[in-house]
All heavy atoms as atom14 arrays in JSON, in Angstrom:
{
  "sequence": "ILFIDEIHRFNKGQQDALLGAVEDGTFTLIGAT",
  "atom14_mask": [
    [1, 1, 1, 1, 1, 1, 1, 1, 0, 0, 0, 0, 0, 0],
    [1, 1, 1, 1, 1, 1, 1, 1, 0, 0, 0, 0, 0, 0],
    [1, 1, 1, 1, 1, 1, 1, 1, 1, 1, 1, 0, 0, 0],
    [1, 1, 1, 1, 1, 1, 1, 1, 0, 0, 0, 0, 0, 0],
    [1, 1, 1, 1, 1, 1, 1, 1, 0, 0, 0, 0, 0, 0],
    [1, 1, 1, 1, 1, 1, 1, 1, 1, 0, 0, 0, 0, 0],
    [1, 1, 1, 1, 1, 1, 1, 1, 0, 0, 0, 0, 0, 0],
    [1, 1, 1, 1, 1, 1, 1, 1, 1, 1, 0, 0, 0, 0],
    [1, 1, 1, 1, 1, 1, 1, 1, 1, 1, 1, 0, 0, 0],
    [1, 1, 1, 1, 1, 1, 1, 1, 1, 1, 1, 0, 0, 0],
    [1, 1, 1, 1, 1, 1, 1, 1, 0, 0, 0, 0, 0, 0],
    [1, 1, 1, 1, 1, 1, 1, 1, 1, 0, 0, 0, 0, 0],
    [1, 1, 1, 1, 0, 0, 0, 0, 0, 0, 0, 0, 0, 0],
    [1, 1, 1, 1, 1, 1, 1, 1, 1, 0, 0, 0, 0, 0],
    [1, 1, 1, 1, 1, 1, 1, 1, 1, 0, 0, 0, 0, 0],
    [1, 1, 1, 1, 1, 1, 1, 1, 0, 0, 0, 0, 0, 0],
    [1, 1, 1, 1, 1, 0, 0, 0, 0, 0, 0, 0, 0, 0],
    [1, 1, 1, 1, 1, 1, 1, 1, 0, 0, 0, 0, 0, 0],
    [1, 1, 1, 1, 1, 1, 1, 1, 0, 0, 0, 0, 0, 0],
    [1, 1, 1, 1, 0, 0, 0, 0, 0, 0, 0, 0, 0, 0],
    [1, 1, 1, 1, 1, 0, 0, 0, 0, 0, 0, 0, 0, 0],
    [1, 1, 1, 1, 1, 1, 1, 0, 0, 0, 0, 0, 0, 0],
    [1, 1, 1, 1, 1, 1, 1, 1, 1, 0, 0, 0, 0, 0],
    [1, 1, 1, 1, 1, 1, 1, 1, 0, 0, 0, 0, 0, 0],
    [1, 1, 1, 1, 0, 0, 0, 0, 0, 0, 0, 0, 0, 0],
    [1, 1, 1, 1, 1, 1, 1, 0, 0, 0, 0, 0, 0, 0],
    [1, 1, 1, 1, 1, 1, 1, 1, 1, 1, 1, 0, 0, 0],
    [1, 1, 1, 1, 1, 1, 1, 0, 0, 0, 0, 0, 0, 0],
    [1, 1, 1, 1, 1, 1, 1, 1, 0, 0, 0, 0, 0, 0],
    [1, 1, 1, 1, 1, 1, 1, 1, 0, 0, 0, 0, 0, 0],
    [1, 1, 1, 1, 0, 0, 0, 0, 0, 0, 0, 0, 0, 0],
    [1, 1, 1, 1, 1, 0, 0, 0, 0, 0, 0, 0, 0, 0],
    [1, 1, 1, 1, 1, 1, 1, 0, 0, 0, 0, 0, 0, 0]
  ],
  "atom14_positions": [
    [[-2.28, -7.11, -21.69], [-1.65, -6.25, -22.68], [-2.26, -4.86, -22.6], [-3.48, -4.72, -22.53], [-1.81, -6.82, -24.1], [-0.98, -8.1, -24.24], [-1.39, -5.8, -25.16], [-1.2, -8.83, -25.53], [0.0, 0.0, 0.0], [0.0, 0.0, 0.0], [0.0, 0.0, 0.0], [0.0, 0.0, 0.0], [0.0, 0.0, 0.0], [0.0, 0.0, 0.0]],
    [[-1.41, -3.85, -22.57], [-1.86, -2.46, -22.59], [-1.44, -1.84, -23.92], [-0.25, -1.74, -24.21], [-1.28, -1.67, -21.42], [-1.54, -0.14, -21.45], [-3.04, 0.15, -21.4], [-0.82, 0.55, -20.3], [0.0, 0.0, 0.0], [0.0, 0.0, 0.0], [0.0, 0.0, 0.0], [0.0, 0.0, 0.0], [0.0, 0.0, 0.0], [0.0, 0.0, 0.0]],
    [[-2.42, -1.42, -24.7], [-2.14, -0.74, -25.97], [-2.33, 0.76, -25.79], [-3.38, 1.21, -25.32], [-3.06, -1.25, -27.08], [-2.91, -0.48, -28.37], [-1.74, -0.57, -29.11], [-3.94, 0.33, -28.84], [-1.6, 0.15, -30.3], [-3.81, 1.04, -30.02], [-2.64, 0.94, -30.76], [0.0, 0.0, 0.0], [0.0, 0.0, 0.0], [0.0, 0.0, 0.0]],
    [[-1.29, 1.53, -26.15], [-1.36, 2.99, -26.06], [-1.15, 3.6, -27.43], [-0.06, 3.49, -28.01], [-0.31, 3.55, -25.06], [-0.53, 2.94, -23.67], [-0.4, 5.07, -25.0], [0.49, 3.41, -22.65], [0.0, 0.0, 0.0], [0.0, 0.0, 0.0], [0.0, 0.0, 0.0], [0.0, 0.0, 0.0], [0.0, 0.0, 0.0], [0.0, 0.0, 0.0]],
    [[-2.19, 4.21, -27.95], [-2.11, 4.88, -29.25], [-1.51, 6.28, -29.06], [-1.72, 6.91, -28.04], [-3.5, 4.99, -29.86], [-3.46, 5.28, -31.34], [-2.4, 5.06, -31.97], [-4.5, 5.69, -31.91], [0.0, 0.0, 0.0], [0.0, 0.0, 0.0], [0.0, 0.0, 0.0], [0.0, 0.0, 0.0], [0.0, 0.0, 0.0], [0.0, 0.0, 0.0]],
    [[-0.71, 6.71, -30.03], [-0.06, 8.03, -29.99], [0.81, 8.17, -28.73], [0.83, 9.22, -28.08], [-1.11, 9.15, -30.04], [-2.05, 9.12, -31.22], [-1.41, 9.55, -32.51], [-0.36, 10.21, -32.49], [-1.96, 9.22, -33.58], [0.0, 0.0, 0.0], [0.0, 0.0, 0.0], [0.0, 0.0, 0.0], [0.0, 0.0, 0.0], [0.0, 0.0, 0.0]],
    [[1.56, 7.13, -28.4], [2.32, 7.12, -27.16], [3.34, 8.26, -27.09], [3.74, 8.68, -26.0], [3.0, 5.75, -26.94], [3.53, 5.61, -25.5], [4.11, 5.51, -27.98], [3.99, 4.2, -25.16], [0.0, 0.0, 0.0], [0.0, 0.0, 0.0], [0.0, 0.0, 0.0], [0.0, 0.0, 0.0], [0.0, 0.0, 0.0], [0.0, 0.0, 0.0]],
    [[3.77, 8.77, -28.23], [4.74, 9.88, -28.23], [4.17, 11.15, -27.6], [4.92, 12.07, -27.25], [5.21, 10.18, -29.66], [4.11, 10.61, -30.58], [3.31, 9.73, -31.27], [3.67, 11.86, -30.94], [2.44, 10.38, -31.99], [2.62, 11.68, -31.82], [0.0, 0.0, 0.0], [0.0, 0.0, 0.0], [0.0, 0.0, 0.0], [0.0, 0.0, 0.0]],
    [[2.83, 11.22, -27.47], [2.21, 12.39, -26.87], [2.28, 12.38, -25.35], [1.97, 13.37, -24.7], [0.75, 12.52, -27.31], [0.6, 12.82, -28.8], [-0.86, 12.95, -29.18], [-1.04, 13.23, -30.58], [-1.18, 14.43, -31.11], [-1.15, 15.49, -30.33], [-1.35, 14.6, -32.41], [0.0, 0.0, 0.0], [0.0, 0.0, 0.0], [0.0, 0.0, 0.0]],
    [[2.66, 11.24, -24.75], [2.84, 11.18, -23.31], [4.07, 12.0, -22.91], [5.13, 11.88, -23.54], [3.03, 9.74, -22.84], [1.75, 9.03, -22.49], [1.75, 7.66, -22.24], [0.55, 9.7, -22.39], [0.59, 6.99, -21.91], [-0.62, 9.04, -22.07], [-0.61, 7.68, -21.83], [0.0, 0.0, 0.0], [0.0, 0.0, 0.0], [0.0, 0.0, 0.0]],
    [[3.94, 12.82, -21.86], [5.09, 13.56, -21.36], [5.95, 12.66, -20.48], [5.63, 11.48, -20.26], [4.65, 14.84, -20.62], [3.75, 14.53, -19.42], [3.89, 13.49, -18.77], [2.82, 15.44, -19.12], [0.0, 0.0, 0.0], [0.0, 0.0, 0.0], [0.0, 0.0, 0.0], [0.0, 0.0, 0.0], [0.0, 0.0, 0.0], [0.0, 0.0, 0.0]],
    [[7.02, 13.21, -19.94], [7.96, 12.42, -19.14], [7.28, 11.8, -17.93], [7.5, 10.63, -17.6], [9.14, 13.29, -18.68], [10.22, 12.52, -17.95], [11.38, 13.43, -17.56], [12.51, 12.63, -16.91], [12.08, 11.91, -15.68], [0.0, 0.0, 0.0], [0.0, 0.0, 0.0], [0.0, 0.0, 0.0], [0.0, 0.0, 0.0], [0.0, 0.0, 0.0]],
    [[6.43, 12.57, -17.25], [5.75, 12.06, -16.06], [4.84, 10.89, -16.38], [4.79, 9.9, -15.63], [0.0, 0.0, 0.0], [0.0, 0.0, 0.0], [0.0, 0.0, 0.0], [0.0, 0.0, 0.0], [0.0, 0.0, 0.0], [0.0, 0.0, 0.0], [0.0, 0.0, 0.0], [0.0, 0.0, 0.0], [0.0, 0.0, 0.0], [0.0, 0.0, 0.0]],
    [[4.13, 10.99, -17.49], [3.24, 9.91, -17.89], [4.03, 8.66, -18.29], [3.64, 7.55, -17.97], [2.34, 10.38, -19.04], [1.32, 11.44, -18.63], [0.68, 12.13, -19.81], [1.37, 12.55, -20.75], [-0.62, 12.23, -19.79], [0.0, 0.0, 0.0], [0.0, 0.0, 0.0], [0.0, 0.0, 0.0], [0.0, 0.0, 0.0], [0.0, 0.0, 0.0]],
    [[5.13, 8.87, -19.01], [5.96, 7.73, -19.38], [6.6, 7.07, -18.16], [6.7, 5.85, -18.09], [7.03, 8.17, -20.38], [6.47, 8.57, -21.74], [7.57, 8.91, -22.74], [8.65, 8.32, -22.75], [7.31, 9.87, -23.62], [0.0, 0.0, 0.0], [0.0, 0.0, 0.0], [0.0, 0.0, 0.0], [0.0, 0.0, 0.0], [0.0, 0.0, 0.0]],
    [[7.02, 7.89, -17.21], [7.6, 7.35, -15.97], [6.59, 6.51, -15.2], [6.95, 5.52, -14.55], [8.12, 8.49, -15.09], [9.4, 9.11, -15.64], [10.04, 8.49, -16.51], [9.76, 10.22, -15.19], [0.0, 0.0, 0.0], [0.0, 0.0, 0.0], [0.0, 0.0, 0.0], [0.0, 0.0, 0.0], [0.0, 0.0, 0.0], [0.0, 0.0, 0.0]],
    [[5.31, 6.92, -15.27], [4.26, 6.17, -14.58], [4.09, 4.77, -15.16], [3.66, 3.84, -14.48], [2.94, 6.94, -14.65], [0.0, 0.0, 0.0], [0.0, 0.0, 0.0], [0.0, 0.0, 0.0], [0.0, 0.0, 0.0], [0.0, 0.0, 0.0], [0.0, 0.0, 0.0], [0.0, 0.0, 0.0], [0.0, 0.0, 0.0], [0.0, 0.0, 0.0]],
    [[4.43, 4.61, -16.44], [4.35, 3.31, -17.11], [5.53, 2.41, -16.78], [5.41, 1.18, -16.77], [4.3, 3.48, -18.63], [3.07, 4.09, -19.28], [3.38, 4.42, -20.74], [1.91, 3.11, -19.19], [0.0, 0.0, 0.0], [0.0, 0.0, 0.0], [0.0, 0.0, 0.0], [0.0, 0.0, 0.0], [0.0, 0.0, 0.0], [0.0, 0.0, 0.0]],
    [[6.69, 3.02, -16.54], [7.96, 2.3, -16.49], [7.96, 1.16, -15.49], [8.33, 0.03, -15.82], [9.1, 3.27, -16.19], [10.51, 2.69, -16.22], [10.82, 2.09, -17.58], [11.53, 3.79, -15.88], [0.0, 0.0, 0.0], [0.0, 0.0, 0.0], [0.0, 0.0, 0.0], [0.0, 0.0, 0.0], [0.0, 0.0, 0.0], [0.0, 0.0, 0.0]],
    [[7.53, 1.43, -14.26], [7.57, 0.41, -13.22], [6.73, -0.8, -13.58], [7.15, -1.95, -13.37], [0.0, 0.0, 0.0], [0.0, 0.0, 0.0], [0.0, 0.0, 0.0], [0.0, 0.0, 0.0], [0.0, 0.0, 0.0], [0.0, 0.0, 0.0], [0.0, 0.0, 0.0], [0.0, 0.0, 0.0], [0.0, 0.0, 0.0], [0.0, 0.0, 0.0]],
    [[5.55, -0.56, -14.15], [4.65, -1.65, -14.51], [5.21, -2.49, -15.66], [4.99, -3.7, -15.73], [3.28, -1.1, -14.88], [0.0, 0.0, 0.0], [0.0, 0.0, 0.0], [0.0, 0.0, 0.0], [0.0, 0.0, 0.0], [0.0, 0.0, 0.0], [0.0, 0.0, 0.0], [0.0, 0.0, 0.0], [0.0, 0.0, 0.0], [0.0, 0.0, 0.0]],
    [[5.92, -1.84, -16.57], [6.57, -2.58, -17.66], [7.73, -3.4, -17.12], [7.92, -4.57, -17.5], [7.06, -1.61, -18.77], [7.87, -2.36, -19.83], [5.89, -0.89, -19.42], [0.0, 0.0, 0.0], [0.0, 0.0, 0.0], [0.0, 0.0, 0.0], [0.0, 0.0, 0.0], [0.0, 0.0, 0.0], [0.0, 0.0, 0.0], [0.0, 0.0, 0.0]],
    [[8.52, -2.8, -16.23], [9.68, -3.48, -15.65], [9.3, -4.74, -14.88], [9.95, -5.77, -15.02], [10.44, -2.52, -14.72], [11.31, -1.52, -15.44], [12.08, -0.66, -14.47], [11.54, -0.35, -13.39], [13.24, -0.28, -14.78], [0.0, 0.0, 0.0], [0.0, 0.0, 0.0], [0.0, 0.0, 0.0], [0.0, 0.0, 0.0], [0.0, 0.0, 0.0]],
    [[8.25, -4.63, -14.05], [7.91, -5.79, -13.2], [6.93, -6.75, -13.86], [6.48, -7.72, -13.24], [7.36, -5.32, -11.84], [6.06, -4.51, -11.94], [5.36, -4.61, -12.97], [5.73, -3.79, -10.98], [0.0, 0.0, 0.0], [0.0, 0.0, 0.0], [0.0, 0.0, 0.0], [0.0, 0.0, 0.0], [0.0, 0.0, 0.0], [0.0, 0.0, 0.0]],
    [[6.59, -6.5, -15.12], [5.73, -7.42, -15.85], [4.26, -7.35, -15.49], [3.51, -8.29, -15.78], [0.0, 0.0, 0.0], [0.0, 0.0, 0.0], [0.0, 0.0, 0.0], [0.0, 0.0, 0.0], [0.0, 0.0, 0.0], [0.0, 0.0, 0.0], [0.0, 0.0, 0.0], [0.0, 0.0, 0.0], [0.0, 0.0, 0.0], [0.0, 0.0, 0.0]],
    [[3.83, -6.22, -14.88], [2.42, -6.06, -14.58], [1.58, -6.16, -15.85], [0.5, -6.73, -15.87], [2.15, -4.7, -13.89], [2.89, -4.65, -12.66], [0.67, -4.5, -13.61], [0.0, 0.0, 0.0], [0.0, 0.0, 0.0], [0.0, 0.0, 0.0], [0.0, 0.0, 0.0], [0.0, 0.0, 0.0], [0.0, 0.0, 0.0], [0.0, 0.0, 0.0]],
    [[2.07, -5.59, -16.93], [1.44, -5.75, -18.23], [2.5, -5.7, -19.33], [3.63, -5.28, -19.11], [0.35, -4.69, -18.49], [0.8, -3.27, -18.35], [1.67, -2.69, -19.25], [0.34, -2.49, -17.3], [2.08, -1.38, -19.11], [0.74, -1.18, -17.14], [1.61, -0.62, -18.06], [0.0, 0.0, 0.0], [0.0, 0.0, 0.0], [0.0, 0.0, 0.0]],
    [[2.13, -6.18, -20.49], [2.95, -6.06, -21.69], [2.49, -4.82, -22.44], [1.31, -4.68, -22.75], [2.81, -7.3, -22.57], [3.24, -8.47, -21.85], [3.65, -7.16, -23.84], [0.0, 0.0, 0.0], [0.0, 0.0, 0.0], [0.0, 0.0, 0.0], [0.0, 0.0, 0.0], [0.0, 0.0, 0.0], [0.0, 0.0, 0.0], [0.0, 0.0, 0.0]],
    [[3.43, -3.92, -22.72], [3.1, -2.66, -23.37], [3.24, -2.78, -24.89], [4.24, -3.26, -25.4], [4.01, -1.55, -22.86], [3.9, -0.18, -23.56], [2.52, 0.44, -23.3], [5.01, 0.75, -23.12], [0.0, 0.0, 0.0], [0.0, 0.0, 0.0], [0.0, 0.0, 0.0], [0.0, 0.0, 0.0], [0.0, 0.0, 0.0], [0.0, 0.0, 0.0]],
    [[2.22, -2.32, -25.6], [2.29, -2.12, -27.04], [1.95, -0.66, -27.31], [0.85, -0.21, -27.01], [1.32, -3.04, -27.81], [1.62, -4.51, -27.52], [1.42, -2.77, -29.31], [0.62, -5.47, -28.16], [0.0, 0.0, 0.0], [0.0, 0.0, 0.0], [0.0, 0.0, 0.0], [0.0, 0.0, 0.0], [0.0, 0.0, 0.0], [0.0, 0.0, 0.0]],
    [[2.92, 0.06, -27.83], [2.71, 1.47, -28.13], [2.69, 1.71, -29.62], [3.36, 1.01, -30.39], [0.0, 0.0, 0.0], [0.0, 0.0, 0.0], [0.0, 0.0, 0.0], [0.0, 0.0, 0.0], [0.0, 0.0, 0.0], [0.0, 0.0, 0.0], [0.0, 0.0, 0.0], [0.0, 0.0, 0.0], [0.0, 0.0, 0.0], [0.0, 0.0, 0.0]],
    [[1.9, 2.67, -30.07], [1.86, 3.06, -31.47], [2.24, 4.53, -31.58], [1.76, 5.36, -30.81], [0.47, 2.84, -32.07], [0.0, 0.0, 0.0], [0.0, 0.0, 0.0], [0.0, 0.0, 0.0], [0.0, 0.0, 0.0], [0.0, 0.0, 0.0], [0.0, 0.0, 0.0], [0.0, 0.0, 0.0], [0.0, 0.0, 0.0], [0.0, 0.0, 0.0]],
    [[3.11, 4.84, -32.53], [3.56, 6.22, -32.68], [3.87, 6.54, -34.13], [4.32, 5.68, -34.89], [4.8, 6.51, -31.81], [5.26, 7.85, -32.03], [5.94, 5.56, -32.14], [0.0, 0.0, 0.0], [0.0, 0.0, 0.0], [0.0, 0.0, 0.0], [0.0, 0.0, 0.0], [0.0, 0.0, 0.0], [0.0, 0.0, 0.0], [0.0, 0.0, 0.0]]
  ]
}
């Protein structure tokens, strides 16, 4: 599990870097905003 606090502060590039890992199940994302 990956917990990201203040996830809304991530820019597009940072969010895109997460996308692939969420899609393929590398980790389960929990974001707080």
